[in-house]
Amino acid sequence: MKSSRLPIRYRAISMELAAYLDEHCVEMHILTDDGQTISVACPTDSIFAVLRHIKRLGIDCPEIATWGTTGSTRSGRA
C-alpha cells in the first residue's frame, strides 16, 4: 500500500467489517475516539485479504496480542 500523500490518521475505538450480500459489497465501519463514524468501501474479496493479513501479522509478531489499549501511538496521541 503506497501513497504519495501522508495518510489521515484516526484513533479507532471500534471496527467491524460488514458484507452486504444483495449489493455484493464489503465495507469497514470505524468509530473514532472523537465520535466520527467512517465507512470505507472495499473490494468484495477484501474480507479474505484482511483475514490473511491478520493471520500473517499474528505469526510474524505474536507479541501484539499482549499489547493493551493504553499508551502512546505512532501519532503521539494516547
Protein backbone atom coordinates (compact mmCIF):
# COMPACT_ATOMS: atom_id res chain seq x y z
CA MET A 1 0.00 0.00 0.00
CA LYS A 2 1.74 3.17 -1.19
CA SER A 3 0.63 6.76 -1.41
CA SER A 4 2.46 9.97 -2.21
CA ARG A 5 0.48 11.84 0.47
CA LEU A 6 0.66 11.40 4.21
CA PRO A 7 -2.30 9.37 5.46
CA ILE A 8 -5.04 10.86 7.58
CA ARG A 9 -4.67 9.23 10.98
CA TYR A 10 -7.63 8.41 13.22
CA ARG A 11 -7.71 6.57 16.54
CA ALA A 12 -10.27 3.81 16.16
CA ILE A 13 -12.17 2.62 19.19
CA SER A 14 -14.30 0.14 17.26
CA MET A 15 -14.02 -1.51 13.84
CA GLU A 16 -16.16 -4.01 12.01
CA LEU A 17 -16.35 -5.50 8.54
CA ALA A 18 -19.81 -5.54 7.00
CA ALA A 19 -20.76 -7.59 3.94
CA TYR A 20 -23.87 -6.55 2.05
CA LEU A 21 -24.91 -9.67 0.16
CA ASP A 22 -27.56 -8.05 -2.05
CA GLU A 23 -25.17 -5.32 -3.23
CA HIS A 24 -22.12 -7.63 -3.38
CA CYS A 25 -20.00 -5.17 -1.43
CA VAL A 26 -17.92 -5.06 1.73
CA GLU A 27 -17.35 -2.06 3.99
CA MET A 28 -15.21 -1.43 7.02
CA HIS A 29 -17.03 0.67 9.63
CA ILE A 30 -14.79 2.57 12.03
CA LEU A 31 -15.82 4.54 15.12
CA THR A 32 -13.16 7.06 16.14
CA ASP A 33 -12.30 8.34 19.59
CA ASP A 34 -13.81 11.74 18.70
CA GLY A 35 -17.17 10.19 17.75
CA GLN A 36 -16.80 10.15 13.96
CA THR A 37 -18.12 7.15 12.07
CA ILE A 38 -16.15 6.35 8.93
CA SER A 39 -17.19 3.81 6.30
CA VAL A 40 -14.62 2.53 3.83
CA ALA A 41 -15.89 0.70 0.74
CA CYS A 42 -13.65 -2.27 -0.02
CA PRO A 43 -13.24 -4.67 -2.92
CA THR A 44 -15.58 -7.63 -2.49
CA ASP A 45 -12.81 -10.14 -1.78
CA SER A 46 -11.02 -7.83 0.67
CA ILE A 47 -12.64 -9.50 3.68
CA PHE A 48 -10.49 -12.56 2.96
CA ALA A 49 -7.37 -10.49 2.32
CA VAL A 50 -7.81 -8.81 5.72
CA LEU A 51 -8.11 -12.22 7.36
CA ARG A 52 -4.86 -13.36 5.70
CA HIS A 53 -3.07 -10.19 6.81
CA ILE A 54 -4.26 -10.60 10.40
CA LYS A 55 -3.14 -14.25 10.47
CA ARG A 56 0.26 -13.33 8.98
CA LEU A 57 0.72 -10.48 11.46
CA GLY A 58 -0.09 -12.84 14.34
CA ILE A 59 2.55 -15.28 13.13
CA ASP A 60 5.23 -12.67 12.40
CA CYS A 61 4.61 -10.57 15.51
CA PRO A 62 2.79 -12.59 18.21
CA GLU A 63 3.59 -10.06 20.94
CA ILE A 64 0.88 -7.80 19.50
CA ALA A 65 -1.67 -9.97 21.31
CA THR A 66 -0.25 -8.75 24.65
CA TRP A 67 -0.45 -5.04 23.84
CA GLY A 68 -3.03 -3.08 25.79
CA THR A 69 -5.28 -0.26 24.62
CA THR A 70 -3.50 2.46 26.61
CA GLY A 71 -0.19 4.16 25.98
CA SER A 72 1.22 6.22 23.19
CA THR A 73 0.58 5.69 19.50
CA ARG A 74 2.64 6.46 16.41
CA SER A 75 0.85 9.78 16.12
CA GLY A 76 1.82 10.68 19.68
CA ARG A 77 -1.75 10.66 20.99
CA ALA A 78 -2.65 8.37 23.87
